[in-house]
Amino acid sequence: MKKYFVQTTPFVVPTTDGKLIEEHHGMASTNNAEISIAHMIAPPEWSEPFQTPEFDEYTYIIKGKKQFIIDDEIIVLEAGQSIQIEKNTRVQYSNPFDEPCEYIAICKPAFDFTKVHREE
């Protein structure tokens, strides 16, 4: 039995906001509840509602910039920077800039839509 798994066909999460989400490891792609790793591209002017997830989220910016609002503080990350946001923290993710933002998101435990708690 192999002690590794090479992901060549990530699960592409269906979206309606133009954002590309390719989950390489996690609940939807490998049935892994412990961690999720996704490659994402957020288009210019993209944003999503505030949320208070029940998991830690780590983000590493590959290209472009991404904005985070955490407890009313605005933080902008650029390529080569990363952030860790602790679970049960209210946060809003967005790309209010004029270029796409490419990044890697890691959630621990794995991303679970029922535990993200997006606001309406």
PDB file of N, CA and C in Angstrom:
ATOM      1  N   MET A   1       0.835  -1.184   0.000  1.00  0.00           N
ATOM      2  CA  MET A   1       0.000   0.000   0.000  1.00  0.00           C
ATOM      3  C   MET A   1       0.884   1.254   0.000  1.00  0.00           C
ATOM      4  N   LYS A   2       0.531   2.213  -0.854  1.00  0.00           N
ATOM      5  CA  LYS A   2       1.312   3.437  -0.957  1.00  0.00           C
ATOM      6  C   LYS A   2       1.138   4.299   0.292  1.00  0.00           C
ATOM      7  N   LYS A   3       2.209   4.984   0.643  1.00  0.00           N
ATOM      8  CA  LYS A   3       2.185   5.881   1.797  1.00  0.00           C
ATOM      9  C   LYS A   3       2.054   7.331   1.354  1.00  0.00           C
ATOM     10  N   TYR A   4       1.583   7.541   0.130  1.00  0.00           N
ATOM     11  CA  TYR A   4       1.377   8.902  -0.372  1.00  0.00           C
ATOM     12  C   TYR A   4       0.259   8.895  -1.399  1.00  0.00           C
ATOM     13  N   PHE A   5      -0.237  10.096  -1.684  1.00  0.00           N
ATOM     14  CA  PHE A   5      -1.290  10.260  -2.678  1.00  0.00           C
ATOM     15  C   PHE A   5      -1.005  11.550  -3.437  1.00  0.00           C
ATOM     16  N   VAL A   6      -0.870  11.449  -4.741  1.00  0.00           N
ATOM     17  CA  VAL A   6      -0.647  12.615  -5.582  1.00  0.00           C
ATOM     18  C   VAL A   6      -2.001  13.050  -6.144  1.00  0.00           C
ATOM     19  N   GLN A   7      -2.393  14.277  -5.836  1.00  0.00           N
ATOM     20  CA  GLN A   7      -3.681  14.788  -6.316  1.00  0.00           C
ATOM     21  C   GLN A   7      -3.499  15.390  -7.701  1.00  0.00           C
ATOM     22  N   THR A   8      -4.158  14.831  -8.686  1.00  0.00           N
ATOM     23  CA  THR A   8      -4.090  15.364 -10.051  1.00  0.00           C
ATOM     24  C   THR A   8      -5.446  15.861 -10.546  1.00  0.00           C
ATOM     25  N   THR A   9      -6.498  15.551  -9.795  1.00  0.00           N
ATOM     26  CA  THR A   9      -7.843  15.987 -10.198  1.00  0.00           C
ATOM     27  C   THR A   9      -8.565  16.590  -8.997  1.00  0.00           C
ATOM     28  N   PRO A  10      -8.185  17.817  -8.606  1.00  0.00           N
ATOM     29  CA  PRO A  10      -8.853  18.443  -7.467  1.00  0.00           C
ATOM     30  C   PRO A  10     -10.339  18.642  -7.745  1.00  0.00           C
ATOM     31  N   PHE A  11     -11.104  18.717  -6.667  1.00  0.00           N
ATOM     32  CA  PHE A  11     -12.541  18.988  -6.782  1.00  0.00           C
ATOM     33  C   PHE A  11     -12.724  20.474  -7.036  1.00  0.00           C
ATOM     34  N   VAL A  12     -13.390  20.825  -8.136  1.00  0.00           N
ATOM     35  CA  VAL A  12     -13.672  22.227  -8.444  1.00  0.00           C
ATOM     36  C   VAL A  12     -15.029  22.560  -7.829  1.00  0.00           C
ATOM     37  N   VAL A  13     -14.991  23.432  -6.836  1.00  0.00           N
ATOM     38  CA  VAL A  13     -16.207  23.796  -6.111  1.00  0.00           C
ATOM     39  C   VAL A  13     -17.061  24.696  -7.002  1.00  0.00           C
ATOM     40  N   PRO A  14     -18.330  24.356  -7.201  1.00  0.00           N
ATOM     41  CA  PRO A  14     -19.193  25.222  -8.001  1.00  0.00           C
ATOM     42  C   PRO A  14     -19.415  26.561  -7.297  1.00  0.00           C
ATOM     43  N   THR A  15     -19.232  27.653  -8.029  1.00  0.00           N
ATOM     44  CA  THR A  15     -19.446  28.987  -7.466  1.00  0.00           C
ATOM     45  C   THR A  15     -20.298  29.810  -8.411  1.00  0.00           C
ATOM     46  N   THR A  16     -20.873  30.871  -7.879  1.00  0.00           N
ATOM     47  CA  THR A  16     -21.681  31.779  -8.711  1.00  0.00           C
ATOM     48  C   THR A  16     -21.089  33.186  -8.720  1.00  0.00           C
ATOM     49  N   ASP A  17     -19.926  33.364  -8.089  1.00  0.00           N
ATOM     50  CA  ASP A  17     -19.339  34.697  -7.963  1.00  0.00           C
ATOM     51  C   ASP A  17     -18.050  34.886  -8.756  1.00  0.00           C
ATOM     52  N   GLY A  18     -17.733  33.933  -9.653  1.00  0.00           N
ATOM     53  CA  GLY A  18     -16.547  34.054 -10.486  1.00  0.00           C
ATOM     54  C   GLY A  18     -15.264  33.574  -9.835  1.00  0.00           C
ATOM     55  N   LYS A  19     -15.332  33.135  -8.593  1.00  0.00           N
ATOM     56  CA  LYS A  19     -14.136  32.672  -7.878  1.00  0.00           C
ATOM     57  C   LYS A  19     -13.852  31.220  -8.243  1.00  0.00           C
ATOM     58  N   LEU A  20     -12.580  30.917  -8.520  1.00  0.00           N
ATOM     59  CA  LEU A  20     -12.149  29.552  -8.775  1.00  0.00           C
ATOM     60  C   LEU A  20     -11.696  28.941  -7.456  1.00  0.00           C
ATOM     61  N   ILE A  21     -12.256  27.782  -7.118  1.00  0.00           N
ATOM     62  CA  ILE A  21     -11.853  27.045  -5.920  1.00  0.00           C
ATOM     63  C   ILE A  21     -11.557  25.614  -6.341  1.00  0.00           C
ATOM     64  N   GLU A  22     -10.291  25.213  -6.216  1.00  0.00           N
ATOM     65  CA  GLU A  22      -9.879  23.845  -6.508  1.00  0.00           C
ATOM     66  C   GLU A  22      -9.409  23.212  -5.207  1.00  0.00           C
ATOM     67  N   GLU A  23     -10.250  22.357  -4.637  1.00  0.00           N
ATOM     68  CA  GLU A  23      -9.876  21.692  -3.392  1.00  0.00           C
ATOM     69  C   GLU A  23      -9.023  20.464  -3.724  1.00  0.00           C
ATOM     70  N   HIS A  24      -7.766  20.511  -3.286  1.00  0.00           N
ATOM     71  CA  HIS A  24      -6.845  19.397  -3.530  1.00  0.00           C
ATOM     72  C   HIS A  24      -6.984  18.317  -2.463  1.00  0.00           C
ATOM     73  N   HIS A  25      -7.170  18.739  -1.222  1.00  0.00           N
ATOM     74  CA  HIS A  25      -7.360  17.810  -0.109  1.00  0.00           C
ATOM     75  C   HIS A  25      -8.432  18.402   0.789  1.00  0.00           C
ATOM     76  N   GLY A  26      -9.312  17.553   1.298  1.00  0.00           N
ATOM     77  CA  GLY A  26     -10.392  18.011   2.166  1.00  0.00           C
ATOM     78  C   GLY A  26     -11.606  17.124   2.040  1.00  0.00           C
ATOM     79  N   MET A  27     -12.701  17.598   2.585  1.00  0.00           N
ATOM     80  CA  MET A  27     -13.937  16.802   2.625  1.00  0.00           C
ATOM     81  C   MET A  27     -14.450  16.444   1.231  1.00  0.00           C
ATOM     82  N   ALA A  28     -14.510  17.431   0.330  1.00  0.00           N
ATOM     83  CA  ALA A  28     -15.107  17.194  -0.991  1.00  0.00           C
ATOM     84  C   ALA A  28     -14.201  16.385  -1.917  1.00  0.00           C
ATOM     85  N   SER A  29     -12.885  16.533  -1.770  1.00  0.00           N
ATOM     86  CA  SER A  29     -11.966  15.913  -2.721  1.00  0.00           C
ATOM     87  C   SER A  29     -11.417  14.561  -2.262  1.00  0.00           C
ATOM     88  N   THR A  30     -11.041  14.454  -0.989  1.00  0.00           N
ATOM     89  CA  THR A  30     -10.391  13.226  -0.508  1.00  0.00           C
ATOM     90  C   THR A  30     -11.035  12.677   0.760  1.00  0.00           C
ATOM     91  N   ASN A  31     -12.175  13.245   1.139  1.00  0.00           N
ATOM     92  CA  ASN A  31     -12.901  12.824   2.337  1.00  0.00           C
ATOM     93  C   ASN A  31     -12.040  12.936   3.598  1.00  0.00           C
ATOM     94  N   ASN A  32     -11.197  13.966   3.618  1.00  0.00           N
ATOM     95  CA  ASN A  32     -10.304  14.212   4.748  1.00  0.00           C
ATOM     96  C   ASN A  32     -10.914  15.303   5.622  1.00  0.00           C
ATOM     97  N   ALA A  33     -11.325  14.971   6.817  1.00  0.00           N
ATOM     98  CA  ALA A  33     -11.954  15.936   7.723  1.00  0.00           C
ATOM     99  C   ALA A  33     -10.929  16.706   8.561  1.00  0.00           C
ATOM    100  N   GLU A  34      -9.668  16.274   8.530  1.00  0.00           N
ATOM    101  CA  GLU A  34      -8.645  16.888   9.386  1.00  0.00           C
ATOM    102  C   GLU A  34      -8.081  18.185   8.827  1.00  0.00           C
ATOM    103  N   ILE A  35      -7.956  18.277   7.488  1.00  0.00           N
ATOM    104  CA  ILE A  35      -7.343  19.455   6.870  1.00  0.00           C
ATOM    105  C   ILE A  35      -7.873  19.602   5.453  1.00  0.00           C
ATOM    106  N   SER A  36      -7.956  20.835   4.989  1.00  0.00           N
ATOM    107  CA  SER A  36      -8.271  21.054   3.582  1.00  0.00           C
ATOM    108  C   SER A  36      -7.245  22.021   3.013  1.00  0.00           C
ATOM    109  N   ILE A  37      -6.902  21.776   1.759  1.00  0.00           N
ATOM    110  CA  ILE A  37      -5.954  22.620   1.039  1.00  0.00           C
ATOM    111  C   ILE A  37      -6.585  22.934  -0.303  1.00  0.00           C
ATOM    112  N   ALA A  38      -6.719  24.229  -0.593  1.00  0.00           N
ATOM    113  CA  ALA A  38      -7.365  24.646  -1.833  1.00  0.00           C
ATOM    114  C   ALA A  38      -6.555  25.732  -2.526  1.00  0.00           C
ATOM    115  N   HIS A  39      -6.547  25.648  -3.848  1.00  0.00           N
ATOM    116  CA  HIS A  39      -5.968  26.689  -4.700  1.00  0.00           C
ATOM    117  C   HIS A  39      -7.137  27.558  -5.153  1.00  0.00           C
ATOM    118  N   MET A  40      -6.998  28.877  -5.001  1.00  0.00           N
ATOM    119  CA  MET A  40      -8.115  29.763  -5.325  1.00  0.00           C
ATOM    120  C   MET A  40      -7.653  30.950  -6.148  1.00  0.00           C
ATOM    121  N   ILE A  41      -8.563  31.437  -6.990  1.00  0.00           N
ATOM    122  CA  ILE A  41      -8.348  32.691  -7.694  1.00  0.00           C
ATOM    123  C   ILE A  41      -9.613  33.519  -7.525  1.00  0.00           C
ATOM    124  N   ALA A  42      -9.471  34.652  -6.822  1.00  0.00           N
ATOM    125  CA  ALA A  42     -10.586  35.569  -6.605  1.00  0.00           C
ATOM    126  C   ALA A  42     -10.511  36.670  -7.662  1.00  0.00           C
ATOM    127  N   PRO A  43     -11.589  36.865  -8.428  1.00  0.00           N
ATOM    128  CA  PRO A  43     -11.554  37.881  -9.479  1.00  0.00           C
ATOM    129  C   PRO A  43     -11.554  39.294  -8.889  1.00  0.00           C
ATOM    130  N   PRO A  44     -11.197  40.294  -9.684  1.00  0.00           N
ATOM    131  CA  PRO A  44     -11.271  41.678  -9.210  1.00  0.00           C
ATOM    132  C   PRO A  44     -12.683  42.008  -8.732  1.00  0.00           C
ATOM    133  N   GLU A  45     -12.759  42.817  -7.681  1.00  0.00           N
ATOM    134  CA  GLU A  45     -14.029  43.288  -7.106  1.00  0.00           C
ATOM    135  C   GLU A  45     -14.850  42.169  -6.462  1.00  0.00           C
ATOM    136  N   TRP A  46     -14.240  41.040  -6.157  1.00  0.00           N
ATOM    137  CA  TRP A  46     -14.929  39.923  -5.511  1.00  0.00           C
ATOM    138  C   TRP A  46     -14.993  40.158  -4.004  1.00  0.00           C
ATOM    139  N   SER A  47     -16.087  39.718  -3.394  1.00  0.00           N
ATOM    140  CA  SER A  47     -16.167  39.709  -1.925  1.00  0.00           C
ATOM    141  C   SER A  47     -17.203  38.676  -1.519  1.00  0.00           C
ATOM    142  N   GLU A  48     -17.126  38.275  -0.258  1.00  0.00           N
ATOM    143  CA  GLU A  48     -18.134  37.380   0.284  1.00  0.00           C
ATOM    144  C   GLU A  48     -18.578  37.928   1.628  1.00  0.00           C
ATOM    145  N   PRO A  49     -19.699  37.451   2.146  1.00  0.00           N
ATOM    146  CA  PRO A  49     -20.203  37.975   3.424  1.00  0.00           C
ATOM    147  C   PRO A  49     -19.259  37.673   4.588  1.00  0.00           C
ATOM    148  N   PHE A  50     -19.431  38.419   5.673  1.00  0.00           N
ATOM    149  CA  PHE A  50     -18.703  38.099   6.899  1.00  0.00           C
ATOM    150  C   PHE A  50     -19.051  36.672   7.309  1.00  0.00           C
ATOM    151  N   GLN A  51     -18.116  36.024   7.987  1.00  0.00           N
ATOM    152  CA  GLN A  51     -18.320  34.665   8.474  1.00  0.00           C
ATOM    153  C   GLN A  51     -17.549  34.478   9.770  1.00  0.00           C
ATOM    154  N   THR A  52     -17.944  33.460  10.531  1.00  0.00           N
ATOM    155  CA  THR A  52     -17.261  33.120  11.783  1.00  0.00           C
ATOM    156  C   THR A  52     -17.051  31.613  11.792  1.00  0.00           C
ATOM    157  N   PRO A  53     -16.017  31.128  11.084  1.00  0.00           N
ATOM    158  CA  PRO A  53     -15.831  29.692  10.931  1.00  0.00           C
ATOM    159  C   PRO A  53     -15.360  28.974  12.193  1.00  0.00           C
ATOM    160  N   GLU A  54     -15.703  27.702  12.252  1.00  0.00           N
ATOM    161  CA  GLU A  54     -15.290  26.831  13.367  1.00  0.00           C
ATOM    162  C   GLU A  54     -13.989  26.113  13.044  1.00  0.00           C
ATOM    163  N   PHE A  55     -13.129  26.726  12.235  1.00  0.00           N
ATOM    164  CA  PHE A  55     -11.838  26.133  11.889  1.00  0.00           C
ATOM    165  C   PHE A  55     -10.814  27.242  11.707  1.00  0.00           C
ATOM    166  N   ASP A  56      -9.540  26.914  11.962  1.00  0.00           N
ATOM    167  CA  ASP A  56      -8.449  27.846  11.684  1.00  0.00           C
ATOM    168  C   ASP A  56      -8.274  27.908  10.175  1.00  0.00           C
ATOM    169  N   GLU A  57      -7.959  29.106   9.675  1.00  0.00           N
ATOM    170  CA  GLU A  57      -7.714  29.223   8.235  1.00  0.00           C
ATOM    171  C   GLU A  57      -6.390  29.951   8.013  1.00  0.00           C
ATOM    172  N   TYR A  58      -5.585  29.356   7.145  1.00  0.00           N
ATOM    173  CA  TYR A  58      -4.293  29.911   6.761  1.00  0.00           C
ATOM    174  C   TYR A  58      -4.386  30.292   5.289  1.00  0.00           C
ATOM    175  N   THR A  59      -3.879  31.461   4.931  1.00  0.00           N
ATOM    176  CA  THR A  59      -3.907  31.911   3.543  1.00  0.00           C
ATOM    177  C   THR A  59      -2.510  32.354   3.133  1.00  0.00           C
ATOM    178  N   TYR A  60      -2.066  31.893   1.964  1.00  0.00           N
ATOM    179  CA  TYR A  60      -0.788  32.310   1.391  1.00  0.00           C
ATOM    180  C   TYR A  60      -1.074  32.928   0.023  1.00  0.00           C
ATOM    181  N   ILE A  61      -0.650  34.171  -0.179  1.00  0.00           N
ATOM    182  CA  ILE A  61      -0.917  34.882  -1.424  1.00  0.00           C
ATOM    183  C   ILE A  61       0.182  34.571  -2.441  1.00  0.00           C
ATOM    184  N   ILE A  62      -0.240  34.101  -3.618  1.00  0.00           N
ATOM    185  CA  ILE A  62       0.697  33.793  -4.705  1.00  0.00           C
ATOM    186  C   ILE A  62       0.861  35.000  -5.619  1.00  0.00           C
ATOM    187  N   LYS A  63      -0.269  35.578  -6.055  1.00  0.00           N
ATOM    188  CA  LYS A  63      -0.255  36.752  -6.942  1.00  0.00           C
ATOM    189  C   LYS A  63      -1.371  37.690  -6.527  1.00  0.00           C
ATOM    190  N   GLY A  64      -1.166  38.979  -6.729  1.00  0.00           N
ATOM    191  CA  GLY A  64      -2.200  39.965  -6.435  1.00  0.00           C
ATOM    192  C   GLY A  64      -2.257  40.306  -4.958  1.00  0.00           C
ATOM    193  N   LYS A  65      -3.422  40.823  -4.544  1.00  0.00           N
ATOM    194  CA  LYS A  65      -3.647  41.242  -3.161  1.00  0.00           C
ATOM    195  C   LYS A  65      -5.017  40.747  -2.710  1.00  0.00           C
ATOM    196  N   LYS A  66      -5.150  40.532  -1.404  1.00  0.00           N
ATOM    197  CA  LYS A  66      -6.420  40.104  -0.826  1.00  0.00           C
ATOM    198  C   LYS A  66      -6.649  40.903   0.442  1.00  0.00           C
ATOM    199  N   GLN A  67      -7.905  41.319   0.629  1.00  0.00           N
ATOM    200  CA  GLN A  67      -8.264  42.100   1.812  1.00  0.00           C
ATOM    201  C   GLN A  67      -9.022  41.234   2.811  1.00  0.00           C
ATOM    202  N   PHE A  68      -8.684  41.429   4.079  1.00  0.00           N
ATOM    203  CA  PHE A  68      -9.333  40.746   5.194  1.00  0.00           C
ATOM    204  C   PHE A  68      -9.854  41.821   6.133  1.00  0.00           C
ATOM    205  N   ILE A  69     -11.088  41.690   6.591  1.00  0.00           N
ATOM    206  CA  ILE A  69     -11.586  42.532   7.684  1.00  0.00           C
ATOM    207  C   ILE A  69     -11.775  41.595   8.862  1.00  0.00           C
ATOM    208  N   ILE A  70     -10.965  41.816   9.896  1.00  0.00           N
ATOM    209  CA  ILE A  70     -10.975  40.966  11.083  1.00  0.00           C
ATOM    210  C   ILE A  70     -11.250  41.861  12.285  1.00  0.00           C
ATOM    211  N   ASP A  71     -12.388  41.633  12.950  1.00  0.00           N
ATOM    212  CA  ASP A  71     -12.764  42.470  14.098  1.00  0.00           C
ATOM    213  C   ASP A  71     -12.636  43.958  13.768  1.00  0.00           C
ATOM    214  N   ASP A  72     -13.165  44.366  12.631  1.00  0.00           N
ATOM    215  CA  ASP A  72     -13.182  45.762  12.170  1.00  0.00           C
ATOM    216  C   ASP A  72     -11.815  46.319  11.784  1.00  0.00           C
ATOM    217  N   GLU A  73     -10.783  45.484  11.737  1.00  0.00           N
ATOM    218  CA  GLU A  73      -9.459  45.913  11.273  1.00  0.00           C
ATOM    219  C   GLU A  73      -9.276  45.441   9.837  1.00  0.00           C
ATOM    220  N   ILE A  74      -8.860  46.347   8.955  1.00  0.00           N
ATOM    221  CA  ILE A  74      -8.622  45.998   7.557  1.00  0.00           C
ATOM    222  C   ILE A  74      -7.159  45.629   7.380  1.00  0.00           C
ATOM    223  N   ILE A  75      -6.922  44.444   6.827  1.00  0.00           N
ATOM    224  CA  ILE A  75      -5.572  43.937   6.580  1.00  0.00           C
ATOM    225  C   ILE A  75      -5.499  43.583   5.102  1.00  0.00           C
ATOM    226  N   VAL A  76      -4.446  44.035   4.429  1.00  0.00           N
ATOM    227  CA  VAL A  76      -4.244  43.700   3.019  1.00  0.00           C
ATOM    228  C   VAL A  76      -2.943  42.927   2.898  1.00  0.00           C
ATOM    229  N   LEU A  77      -3.038  41.728   2.316  1.00  0.00           N
ATOM    230  CA  LEU A  77      -1.854  40.912   2.073  1.00  0.00           C
ATOM    231  C   LEU A  77      -1.492  40.964   0.599  1.00  0.00           C
ATOM    232  N   GLU A  78      -0.192  40.906   0.331  1.00  0.00           N
ATOM    233  CA  GLU A  78       0.313  40.891  -1.035  1.00  0.00           C
ATOM    234  C   GLU A  78       1.068  39.592  -1.287  1.00  0.00           C
ATOM    235  N   ALA A  79       1.446  39.368  -2.537  1.00  0.00           N
ATOM    236  CA  ALA A  79       2.158  38.153  -2.931  1.00  0.00           C
ATOM    237  C   ALA A  79       3.350  37.908  -2.013  1.00  0.00           C
ATOM    238  N   GLY A  80       3.463  36.653  -1.576  1.00  0.00           N
ATOM    239  CA  GLY A  80       4.557  36.263  -0.697  1.00  0.00           C
ATOM    240  C   GLY A  80       4.238  36.385   0.778  1.00  0.00           C
ATOM    241  N   GLN A  81       3.070  36.930   1.118  1.00  0.00           N
ATOM    242  CA  GLN A  81       2.674  37.066   2.522  1.00  0.00           C
ATOM    243  C   GLN A  81       1.623  36.022   2.870  1.00  0.00           C
ATOM    244  N   SER A  82       1.513  35.733   4.172  1.00  0.00           N
ATOM    245  CA  SER A  82       0.514  34.772   4.629  1.00  0.00           C
ATOM    246  C   SER A  82      -0.085  35.242   5.945  1.00  0.00           C
ATOM    247  N   ILE A  83      -1.191  34.609   6.316  1.00  0.00           N
ATOM    248  CA  ILE A  83      -1.894  34.957   7.552  1.00  0.00           C
ATOM    249  C   ILE A  83      -2.525  33.699   8.128  1.00  0.00           C
ATOM    250  N   GLN A  84      -2.629  33.665   9.442  1.00  0.00           N
ATOM    251  CA  GLN A  84      -3.396  32.622  10.120  1.00  0.00           C
ATOM    252  C   GLN A  84      -4.511  33.324  10.872  1.00  0.00           C
ATOM    253  N   ILE A  85      -5.736  32.857  10.676  1.00  0.00           N
ATOM    254  CA  ILE A  85      -6.900  33.404  11.372  1.00  0.00           C
ATOM    255  C   ILE A  85      -7.488  32.283  12.224  1.00  0.00           C
ATOM    256  N   GLU A  86      -7.575  32.540  13.517  1.00  0.00           N
ATOM    257  CA  GLU A  86      -8.051  31.515  14.445  1.00  0.00           C
ATOM    258  C   GLU A  86      -9.543  31.263  14.283  1.00  0.00           C
ATOM    259  N   LYS A  87      -9.943  30.023  14.576  1.00  0.00           N
ATOM    260  CA  LYS A  87     -11.355  29.658  14.507  1.00  0.00           C
ATOM    261  C   LYS A  87     -12.174  30.567  15.419  1.00  0.00           C
ATOM    262  N   ASN A  88     -13.457  30.684  15.091  1.00  0.00           N
ATOM    263  CA  ASN A  88     -14.412  31.507  15.843  1.00  0.00           C
ATOM    264  C   ASN A  88     -14.059  32.991  15.808  1.00  0.00           C
ATOM    265  N   THR A  89     -13.369  33.416  14.745  1.00  0.00           N
ATOM    266  CA  THR A  89     -13.055  34.826  14.518  1.00  0.00           C
ATOM    267  C   THR A  89     -13.936  35.330  13.384  1.00  0.00           C
ATOM    268  N   ARG A  90     -14.593  36.464  13.594  1.00  0.00           N
ATOM    269  CA  ARG A  90     -15.430  37.047  12.544  1.00  0.00           C
ATOM    270  C   ARG A  90     -14.527  37.705  11.502  1.00  0.00           C
ATOM    271  N   VAL A  91     -14.708  37.314  10.240  1.00  0.00           N
ATOM    272  CA  VAL A  91     -13.825  37.770   9.168  1.00  0.00           C
ATOM    273  C   VAL A  91     -14.606  37.939   7.874  1.00  0.00           C
ATOM    274  N   GLN A  92     -14.144  38.884   7.067  1.00  0.00           N
ATOM    275  CA  GLN A  92     -14.665  39.011   5.707  1.00  0.00           C
ATOM    276  C   GLN A  92     -13.481  38.987   4.751  1.00  0.00           C
ATOM    277  N   TYR A  93     -13.605  38.186   3.709  1.00  0.00           N
ATOM    278  CA  TYR A  93     -12.583  38.074   2.679  1.00  0.00           C
ATOM    279  C   TYR A  93     -13.052  38.815   1.433  1.00  0.00           C
ATOM    280  N   SER A  94     -12.133  39.544   0.781  1.00  0.00           N
ATOM    281  CA  SER A  94     -12.505  40.226  -0.459  1.00  0.00           C
ATOM    282  C   SER A  94     -11.267  40.546  -1.296  1.00  0.00           C
ATOM    283  N   ASN A  95     -11.531  40.863  -2.545  1.00  0.00           N
ATOM    284  CA  ASN A  95     -10.518  41.356  -3.469  1.00  0.00           C
ATOM    285  C   ASN A  95     -11.080  42.619  -4.115  1.00  0.00           C
ATOM    286  N   PRO A  96     -10.981  43.778  -3.418  1.00  0.00           N
ATOM    287  CA  PRO A  96     -11.528  45.011  -3.962  1.00  0.00           C
ATOM    288  C   PRO A  96     -10.602  45.671  -4.983  1.00  0.00           C
ATOM    289  N   PHE A  97      -9.589  44.948  -5.418  1.00  0.00           N
ATOM    290  CA  PHE A  97      -8.565  45.507  -6.290  1.00  0.00           C
ATOM    291  C   PHE A  97      -8.869  45.183  -7.750  1.00  0.00           C
ATOM    292  N   ASP A  98      -8.071  45.730  -8.667  1.00  0.00           N
ATOM    293  CA  ASP A  98      -8.378  45.613 -10.098  1.00  0.00           C
ATOM    294  C   ASP A  98      -7.658  44.464 -10.788  1.00  0.00           C
ATOM    295  N   GLU A  99      -7.057  43.553 -10.021  1.00  0.00           N
ATOM    296  CA  GLU A  99      -6.413  42.379 -10.610  1.00  0.00           C
ATOM    297  C   GLU A  99      -6.827  41.140  -9.824  1.00  0.00           C
ATOM    298  N   PRO A 100      -6.801  39.964 -10.471  1.00  0.00           N
ATOM    299  CA  PRO A 100      -7.145  38.736  -9.746  1.00  0.00           C
ATOM    300  C   PRO A 100      -6.159  38.480  -8.605  1.00  0.00           C
ATOM    301  N   CYS A 101      -6.626  37.755  -7.593  1.00  0.00           N
ATOM    302  CA  CYS A 101      -5.772  37.343  -6.478  1.00  0.00           C
ATOM    303  C   CYS A 101      -5.723  35.826  -6.473  1.00  0.00           C
ATOM    304  N   GLU A 102      -4.517  35.288  -6.606  1.00  0.00           N
ATOM    305  CA  GLU A 102      -4.320  33.843  -6.565  1.00  0.00           C
ATOM    306  C   GLU A 102      -3.714  33.485  -5.225  1.00  0.00           C
ATOM    307  N   TYR A 103      -4.274  32.472  -4.570  1.00  0.00           N
ATOM    308  CA  TYR A 103      -3.790  32.118  -3.242  1.00  0.00           C
ATOM    309  C   TYR A 103      -4.082  30.664  -2.905  1.00  0.00           C
ATOM    310  N   ILE A 104      -3.445  30.211  -1.828  1.00  0.00           N
ATOM    311  CA  ILE A 104      -3.678  28.887  -1.260  1.00  0.00           C
ATOM    312  C   ILE A 104      -4.348  29.086   0.090  1.00  0.00           C
ATOM    313  N   ALA A 105      -5.423  28.343   0.339  1.00  0.00           N
ATOM    314  CA  ALA A 105      -6.105  28.384   1.635  1.00  0.00           C
ATOM    315  C   ALA A 105      -6.034  27.000   2.267  1.00  0.00           C
ATOM    316  N   ILE A 106      -5.669  26.991   3.536  1.00  0.00           N
ATOM    317  CA  ILE A 106      -5.591  25.750   4.301  1.00  0.00           C
ATOM    318  C   ILE A 106      -6.493  25.898   5.517  1.00  0.00           C
ATOM    319  N   CYS A 107      -7.396  24.964   5.713  1.00  0.00           N
ATOM    320  CA  CYS A 107      -8.293  24.994   6.866  1.00  0.00           C
ATOM    321  C   CYS A 107      -8.031  23.763   7.729  1.00  0.00           C
ATOM    322  N   LYS A 108      -8.019  23.992   9.039  1.00  0.00           N
ATOM    323  CA  LYS A 108      -7.791  22.893   9.987  1.00  0.00           C
ATOM    324  C   LYS A 108      -8.721  23.078  11.168  1.00  0.00           C
ATOM    325  N   PRO A 109      -9.643  22.145  11.429  1.00  0.00           N
ATOM    326  CA  PRO A 109      -9.966  21.005  10.577  1.00  0.00           C
ATOM    327  C   PRO A 109     -10.467  21.466   9.208  1.00  0.00           C
ATOM    328  N   ALA A 110     -10.748  20.534   8.345  1.00  0.00           N
ATOM    329  CA  ALA A 110     -11.086  20.834   6.957  1.00  0.00           C
ATOM    330  C   ALA A 110     -12.287  21.767   6.837  1.00  0.00           C
ATOM    331  N   PHE A 111     -12.287  22.547   5.739  1.00  0.00           N
ATOM    332  CA  PHE A 111     -13.420  23.407   5.431  1.00  0.00           C
ATOM    333  C   PHE A 111     -14.690  22.573   5.405  1.00  0.00           C
ATOM    334  N   ASP A 112     -15.712  23.094   6.040  1.00  0.00           N
ATOM    335  CA  ASP A 112     -17.023  22.455   6.072  1.00  0.00           C
ATOM    336  C   ASP A 112     -18.049  23.571   5.971  1.00  0.00           C
ATOM    337  N   PHE A 113     -18.812  23.580   4.877  1.00  0.00           N
ATOM    338  CA  PHE A 113     -19.753  24.683   4.656  1.00  0.00           C
ATOM    339  C   PHE A 113     -20.731  24.847   5.821  1.00  0.00           C
ATOM    340  N   THR A 114     -21.063  23.753   6.508  1.00  0.00           N
ATOM    341  CA  THR A 114     -22.004  23.852   7.633  1.00  0.00           C
ATOM    342  C   THR A 114     -21.349  24.477   8.864  1.00  0.00           C
ATOM    343  N   LYS A 115     -20.024  24.664   8.838  1.00  0.00           N
ATOM    344  CA  LYS A 115     -19.326  25.234   9.992  1.00  0.00           C
ATOM    345  C   LYS A 115     -18.657  26.568   9.688  1.00  0.00           C
ATOM    346  N   VAL A 116     -18.999  27.166   8.528  1.00  0.00           N
ATOM    347  CA  VAL A 116     -18.392  28.448   8.148  1.00  0.00           C
ATOM    348  C   VAL A 116     -19.201  29.632   8.689  1.00  0.00           C
ATOM    349  N   HIS A 117     -20.498  29.458   8.877  1.00  0.00           N
ATOM    350  CA  HIS A 117     -21.386  30.455   9.470  1.00  0.00           C
ATOM    351  C   HIS A 117     -21.309  31.815   8.779  1.00  0.00           C
ATOM    352  N   ARG A 118     -21.624  31.803   7.481  1.00  0.00           N
ATOM    353  CA  ARG A 118     -21.683  33.062   6.705  1.00  0.00           C
ATOM    354  C   ARG A 118     -22.911  33.842   7.107  1.00  0.00           C
ATOM    355  N   GLU A 119     -22.734  35.161   7.177  1.00  0.00           N
ATOM    356  CA  GLU A 119     -23.852  36.051   7.505  1.00  0.00           C
ATOM    357  C   GLU A 119     -24.635  36.359   6.223  1.00  0.00           C
ATOM    358  N   GLU A 120     -25.896  36.641   6.389  1.00  0.00           N
ATOM    359  CA  GLU A 120     -26.746  36.967   5.223  1.00  0.00           C
ATOM    360  C   GLU A 120     -26.634  38.419   4.855  1.00  0.00           C
TER     361      GLU A 120
END
